[in-house]
Amino acid sequence: MNQDLLISGFSDEISSDFDTQLEVVSNLGMRYLSLRGIDGKNIGDFTVAEIKENVLPRLEKAGIAVSSIGSPIGKVFINDEEGFAKQKEMLETLCQISNLLDCKYIRIFSFYIPKGDNPDIYRDDVIRKIKEYAAIAKEYNVILLHENEKDIFGDIARRCHEILKEVNSPYFKAIFDFANFVQCGEDTQECYELLKDEVVYIHIKDAVTTDNQNVVCGTGEGKIPELLCQFIKAGYKGFLTLEPHLVLFDSLKDLELEDAAEIIKDNKGLDGAGGYKLQYEALLEILKKIESEER
């Protein structure tokens, strides 16, 4: 496999139990995970001491490193000032945790928009607040990664591009999430063209517009094989992070405003480990095909 590409994943989709997560990831031959849910508790609710005493030793014993912190930063409503203040405190802690884990990336979002409102009217507020987040990240030499996602300001490529250009910071860059763009009615090829220069991290998640359902990577409308090929040819180096969303898992309740069962209607008889393995193997097949075509 291309040595410039490192496969990681949100291992809490395997199980809420962290030891099970580490065992499955390790058995698949993966050496990285994205840290989000640990023993049923969100990463944003941990102290530095708890990570140092209870999480880091288990990671080290398993020989697994952390590609990114899957934080809930930015998942508050744009007009919730108290929530924003609390999240700045949380971000300080998460930056310290990132430094402890030798991890340079923290995934964030760009605020929920009140239902029925035009997101563009909140543009200046979003940019101002993200600049405050980026200033905190700079203190710790951590890079915040904006995930495009439905229901937030940066749901579509145009708005993602606006905030990236306006914040204009080396400490604030983009994640490319194929499925989330599909679920927002976007053409992922056009999203790629607009955002490719800002993307430093990729989520491997696919979807179809029928029922907005998540599907195995490469089988949906995200154009994952074609766009991964373009990313690689353009010199992309870094993480491809599995976020299968193929089965219901504990942390999902923290991620979706609507009922998660509406996004994942058919688990195809899989459990968390099965869904994760299926996505991992599908990604390996895509990468193998890209390599063989390049030869």
Protein backbone atom coordinates (compact mmCIF):
# COMPACT_ATOMS: atom_id res chain seq x y z
CA MET A 1 0.00 0.00 0.00
CA ASN A 2 1.02 3.62 -0.60
CA GLN A 3 3.31 4.43 2.34
CA ASP A 4 2.09 8.04 2.42
CA LEU A 5 -1.41 6.90 3.38
CA LEU A 6 -2.21 5.89 6.96
CA ILE A 7 -5.49 4.17 7.79
CA SER A 8 -7.20 5.14 11.01
CA GLY A 9 -10.79 5.02 12.23
CA PHE A 10 -13.37 5.99 14.81
CA SER A 11 -12.98 2.84 16.86
CA ASP A 12 -15.95 3.59 19.12
CA GLU A 13 -18.09 2.31 16.23
CA ILE A 14 -16.69 -1.14 17.10
CA SER A 15 -17.74 -1.12 20.75
CA SER A 16 -18.11 1.30 23.64
CA ASP A 17 -15.53 -0.82 25.51
CA PHE A 18 -12.09 0.63 24.82
CA ASP A 19 -10.19 -2.64 25.27
CA THR A 20 -12.43 -4.24 22.64
CA GLN A 21 -11.76 -1.31 20.32
CA LEU A 22 -8.01 -1.75 20.70
CA GLU A 23 -8.20 -5.51 20.20
CA VAL A 24 -10.22 -5.27 16.95
CA VAL A 25 -8.10 -2.44 15.52
CA SER A 26 -4.91 -4.32 16.37
CA ASN A 27 -6.17 -7.60 14.89
CA LEU A 28 -6.97 -5.84 11.62
CA GLY A 29 -3.35 -4.68 11.46
CA MET A 30 -4.20 -1.00 11.97
CA ARG A 31 -1.86 1.17 13.99
CA TYR A 32 -4.00 4.30 14.46
CA LEU A 33 -7.42 5.25 15.74
CA SER A 34 -9.42 8.43 16.08
CA LEU A 35 -10.32 8.94 19.72
CA ARG A 36 -13.99 9.81 20.35
CA GLY A 37 -15.78 7.40 22.70
CA ILE A 38 -13.85 5.61 25.46
CA ASP A 39 -15.68 3.13 27.70
CA GLY A 40 -18.95 4.89 26.88
CA LYS A 41 -17.65 8.36 27.70
CA ASN A 42 -17.02 11.13 25.16
CA ILE A 43 -13.46 12.38 24.78
CA GLY A 44 -14.67 15.90 25.60
CA ASP A 45 -15.62 14.77 29.11
CA PHE A 46 -12.15 13.51 30.09
CA THR A 47 -9.52 15.31 32.12
CA VAL A 48 -5.85 15.24 31.15
CA ALA A 49 -5.15 13.16 34.27
CA GLU A 50 -7.77 10.56 33.31
CA ILE A 51 -6.26 10.16 29.84
CA LYS A 52 -2.76 9.92 31.30
CA GLU A 53 -3.71 7.31 33.90
CA ASN A 54 -6.39 5.25 32.15
CA VAL A 55 -6.12 5.67 28.37
CA LEU A 56 -2.52 6.32 27.36
CA PRO A 57 -1.15 3.14 29.04
CA ARG A 58 -3.69 1.01 27.17
CA LEU A 59 -2.84 2.66 23.85
CA GLU A 60 0.87 2.12 24.46
CA LYS A 61 0.37 -1.52 25.47
CA ALA A 62 -1.61 -2.16 22.26
CA GLY A 63 0.92 -0.27 20.11
CA ILE A 64 -1.83 2.01 18.79
CA ALA A 65 -1.34 5.76 18.15
CA VAL A 66 -3.99 8.47 17.84
CA SER A 67 -4.57 10.10 14.46
CA SER A 68 -7.07 12.68 15.70
CA ILE A 69 -9.27 13.65 18.59
CA GLY A 70 -12.92 13.31 17.52
CA SER A 71 -14.15 16.19 19.61
CA PRO A 72 -17.66 17.68 19.88
CA ILE A 73 -16.22 21.22 19.65
CA GLY A 74 -18.50 23.42 17.55
CA LYS A 75 -21.55 21.24 18.15
CA VAL A 76 -23.49 23.93 19.97
CA PHE A 77 -25.97 26.36 18.50
CA ILE A 78 -24.36 29.48 17.10
CA ASN A 79 -26.39 31.72 19.44
CA ASP A 80 -25.55 29.71 22.59
CA GLU A 81 -22.92 31.95 24.20
CA GLU A 82 -22.76 29.95 27.42
CA GLY A 83 -22.21 26.76 25.42
CA PHE A 84 -19.46 28.45 23.41
CA ALA A 85 -17.67 29.59 26.59
CA LYS A 86 -17.79 26.03 27.99
CA GLN A 87 -16.47 24.64 24.72
CA LYS A 88 -13.47 26.98 24.78
CA GLU A 89 -12.57 25.52 28.17
CA MET A 90 -13.07 22.02 26.77
CA LEU A 91 -10.83 22.84 23.81
CA GLU A 92 -8.02 23.93 26.15
CA THR A 93 -8.20 20.53 27.83
CA LEU A 94 -8.40 18.67 24.52
CA CYS A 95 -5.33 20.51 23.22
CA GLN A 96 -3.44 19.37 26.32
CA ILE A 97 -4.69 15.82 25.75
CA SER A 98 -3.56 16.03 22.11
CA ASN A 99 -0.08 17.07 23.19
CA LEU A 100 0.03 14.24 25.74
CA LEU A 101 -0.97 11.71 23.05
CA ASP A 102 1.42 13.16 20.45
CA CYS A 103 -1.59 13.84 18.22
CA LYS A 104 -1.67 17.02 16.13
CA TYR A 105 -5.31 17.02 14.96
CA ILE A 106 -8.61 17.83 16.70
CA ARG A 107 -11.84 17.45 14.70
CA ILE A 108 -14.32 20.32 15.17
CA PHE A 109 -17.57 21.66 13.68
CA SER A 110 -18.93 25.08 12.75
CA PHE A 111 -22.01 25.40 14.97
CA TYR A 112 -25.62 24.31 14.68
CA ILE A 113 -27.91 26.78 12.93
CA PRO A 114 -31.43 27.40 14.33
CA LYS A 115 -33.95 25.41 12.31
CA GLY A 116 -35.45 27.39 9.45
CA ASP A 117 -32.82 30.15 9.53
CA ASN A 118 -30.55 30.95 6.58
CA PRO A 119 -27.05 29.86 7.74
CA ASP A 120 -25.44 32.73 5.81
CA ILE A 121 -26.80 35.32 8.24
CA TYR A 122 -24.54 33.79 10.92
CA ARG A 123 -21.39 33.88 8.79
CA ASP A 124 -19.55 36.61 10.72
CA ASP A 125 -20.37 35.05 14.10
CA VAL A 126 -19.15 31.65 12.93
CA ILE A 127 -15.87 33.10 11.63
CA ARG A 128 -15.29 35.12 14.80
CA LYS A 129 -15.83 32.12 17.05
CA ILE A 130 -13.69 29.77 14.97
CA LYS A 131 -10.90 32.35 15.07
CA GLU A 132 -11.11 32.14 18.87
CA TYR A 133 -10.85 28.35 18.66
CA ALA A 134 -7.87 28.63 16.29
CA ALA A 135 -6.11 31.01 18.68
CA ILE A 136 -6.35 28.37 21.42
CA ALA A 137 -5.06 25.68 19.04
CA LYS A 138 -2.09 27.88 18.12
CA GLU A 139 -1.00 28.04 21.76
CA TYR A 140 -0.62 24.24 21.76
CA ASN A 141 0.55 23.83 18.15
CA VAL A 142 -2.51 21.73 17.33
CA ILE A 143 -4.45 21.82 14.05
CA LEU A 144 -8.24 22.04 14.19
CA LEU A 145 -9.95 20.06 11.43
CA HIS A 146 -13.34 21.27 10.27
CA GLU A 147 -15.72 18.44 9.42
CA ASN A 148 -18.41 19.29 6.89
CA GLU A 149 -21.68 18.06 8.36
CA LYS A 150 -25.41 18.60 7.97
CA ASP A 151 -27.20 21.05 10.30
CA ILE A 152 -24.05 23.16 10.89
CA PHE A 153 -22.88 26.32 9.10
CA GLY A 154 -20.19 24.46 7.14
CA ASP A 155 -22.52 21.86 5.69
CA ILE A 156 -21.93 22.65 2.01
CA ALA A 157 -18.63 23.22 0.21
CA ARG A 158 -19.20 26.91 -0.45
CA ARG A 159 -19.60 27.73 3.24
CA CYS A 160 -16.72 25.43 4.21
CA HIS A 161 -14.55 27.34 1.74
CA GLU A 162 -15.69 30.70 3.12
CA ILE A 163 -14.77 29.94 6.71
CA LEU A 164 -11.44 28.35 5.76
CA LYS A 165 -10.47 31.40 3.69
CA GLU A 166 -11.70 33.94 6.23
CA VAL A 167 -10.18 32.27 9.30
CA ASN A 168 -7.02 31.87 7.21
CA SER A 169 -4.97 30.01 9.80
CA PRO A 170 -2.49 27.14 9.59
CA TYR A 171 -4.23 25.90 12.76
CA PHE A 172 -7.61 25.51 11.02
CA LYS A 173 -7.88 23.14 8.06
CA ALA A 174 -10.43 20.88 6.39
CA ILE A 175 -11.63 17.31 6.66
CA PHE A 176 -13.22 15.91 3.52
CA ASP A 177 -16.23 13.77 4.45
CA PHE A 178 -17.80 12.24 1.35
CA ALA A 179 -21.03 10.99 2.95
CA ASN A 180 -21.85 14.25 4.68
CA PHE A 181 -21.60 16.16 1.41
CA VAL A 182 -23.88 13.59 -0.26
CA GLN A 183 -26.41 13.96 2.54
CA CYS A 184 -26.40 17.74 1.99
CA GLY A 185 -27.16 17.31 -1.72
CA GLU A 186 -23.66 18.26 -2.85
CA ASP A 187 -21.67 16.90 -5.80
CA THR A 188 -18.49 15.59 -4.17
CA GLN A 189 -16.42 16.22 -7.32
CA GLU A 190 -17.32 19.91 -7.16
CA CYS A 191 -16.59 19.92 -3.41
CA TYR A 192 -13.17 18.43 -4.12
CA GLU A 193 -12.37 21.12 -6.72
CA LEU A 194 -13.27 23.89 -4.28
CA LEU A 195 -11.64 22.53 -1.13
CA LYS A 196 -8.70 20.35 -2.22
CA ASP A 197 -6.05 22.90 -1.21
CA GLU A 198 -7.39 23.08 2.36
CA VAL A 199 -7.96 19.35 2.96
CA VAL A 200 -5.41 17.70 5.26
CA TYR A 201 -7.53 14.80 6.55
CA ILE A 202 -10.07 12.45 4.94
CA HIS A 203 -13.02 10.56 6.42
CA ILE A 204 -13.98 7.31 4.71
CA LYS A 205 -17.76 7.31 4.86
CA ASP A 206 -20.19 6.88 1.97
CA ALA A 207 -23.91 7.50 1.51
CA VAL A 208 -26.77 7.44 -0.94
CA THR A 209 -29.39 10.15 -1.35
CA THR A 210 -32.13 7.51 -1.12
CA ASP A 211 -33.13 7.85 2.55
CA ASN A 212 -29.75 9.59 3.13
CA GLN A 213 -28.46 6.19 4.22
CA ASN A 214 -24.82 5.36 4.93
CA VAL A 215 -23.38 2.51 2.86
CA VAL A 216 -20.07 0.66 2.47
CA CYS A 217 -17.39 2.95 1.04
CA GLY A 218 -17.25 2.90 -2.72
CA THR A 219 -20.86 1.72 -3.11
CA GLY A 220 -22.56 5.09 -2.61
CA GLU A 221 -22.69 8.47 -4.31
CA GLY A 222 -19.58 9.91 -2.62
CA LYS A 223 -17.32 9.04 -5.58
CA ILE A 224 -14.74 7.76 -3.10
CA PRO A 225 -12.60 5.70 -5.54
CA GLU A 226 -12.43 8.50 -8.13
CA LEU A 227 -11.72 11.26 -5.63
CA LEU A 228 -9.19 9.27 -3.60
CA CYS A 229 -7.33 8.71 -6.87
CA GLN A 230 -7.36 12.46 -7.49
CA PHE A 231 -6.24 13.25 -3.93
CA ILE A 232 -3.34 10.77 -4.25
CA LYS A 233 -2.27 12.07 -7.67
CA ALA A 234 -2.32 15.61 -6.24
CA GLY A 235 0.12 14.50 -3.52
CA TYR A 236 -2.16 13.83 -0.55
CA LYS A 237 -0.24 12.37 2.38
CA GLY A 238 -1.89 11.51 5.65
CA PHE A 239 -4.83 9.77 7.24
CA LEU A 240 -7.79 7.99 5.74
CA THR A 241 -10.09 7.61 8.72
CA LEU A 242 -12.86 5.02 8.73
CA GLU A 243 -16.20 6.28 9.95
CA PRO A 244 -18.44 3.48 8.66
CA HIS A 245 -21.81 4.43 10.23
CA LEU A 246 -23.05 1.03 9.06
CA VAL A 247 -24.49 -0.06 12.40
CA LEU A 248 -25.98 1.77 15.38
CA PHE A 249 -23.37 2.45 18.07
CA ASP A 250 -23.43 4.18 21.45
CA SER A 251 -21.66 7.43 20.48
CA LEU A 252 -24.04 8.05 17.58
CA LYS A 253 -26.60 9.63 19.88
CA ASP A 254 -24.11 12.47 20.48
CA LEU A 255 -23.52 13.05 16.76
CA GLU A 256 -26.94 13.41 15.17
CA LEU A 257 -29.66 15.99 15.80
CA GLU A 258 -32.24 13.62 14.32
CA ASP A 259 -32.88 10.00 15.26
CA ALA A 260 -29.80 7.96 14.33
CA ALA A 261 -32.02 5.05 13.29
CA GLU A 262 -33.19 7.17 10.36
CA ILE A 263 -29.61 7.30 9.03
CA ILE A 264 -28.74 3.65 9.67
CA LYS A 265 -31.85 1.64 8.82
CA ASP A 266 -30.34 -1.74 7.96
CA ASN A 267 -27.28 -3.07 9.72
CA LYS A 268 -27.15 -6.08 7.37
CA GLY A 269 -26.77 -8.38 10.40
CA LEU A 270 -23.42 -6.84 11.34
CA ASP A 271 -22.15 -5.88 14.77
CA GLY A 272 -19.76 -2.97 15.34
CA ALA A 273 -16.64 -5.01 14.66
CA GLY A 274 -18.20 -6.48 11.53
CA GLY A 275 -19.17 -3.09 10.13
CA TYR A 276 -15.72 -1.71 10.87
CA LYS A 277 -13.96 -4.68 9.23
CA LEU A 278 -16.23 -4.45 6.18
CA GLN A 279 -15.38 -0.77 5.71
CA TYR A 280 -11.66 -1.40 6.25
CA GLU A 281 -11.54 -4.19 3.68
CA ALA A 282 -13.56 -2.16 1.18
CA LEU A 283 -11.08 0.71 1.54
CA LEU A 284 -8.12 -1.63 1.04
CA GLU A 285 -9.73 -2.90 -2.17
CA ILE A 286 -10.22 0.67 -3.43
CA LEU A 287 -6.59 1.53 -2.69
CA LYS A 288 -5.34 -1.68 -4.32
CA LYS A 289 -7.32 -0.86 -7.46
CA ILE A 290 -5.95 2.71 -7.56
CA GLU A 291 -2.39 1.38 -7.22
CA SER A 292 -2.84 -1.20 -9.97
CA GLU A 293 -4.24 1.46 -12.32
CA GLU A 294 -1.27 3.73 -11.60
CA ARG A 295 1.26 1.06 -12.59
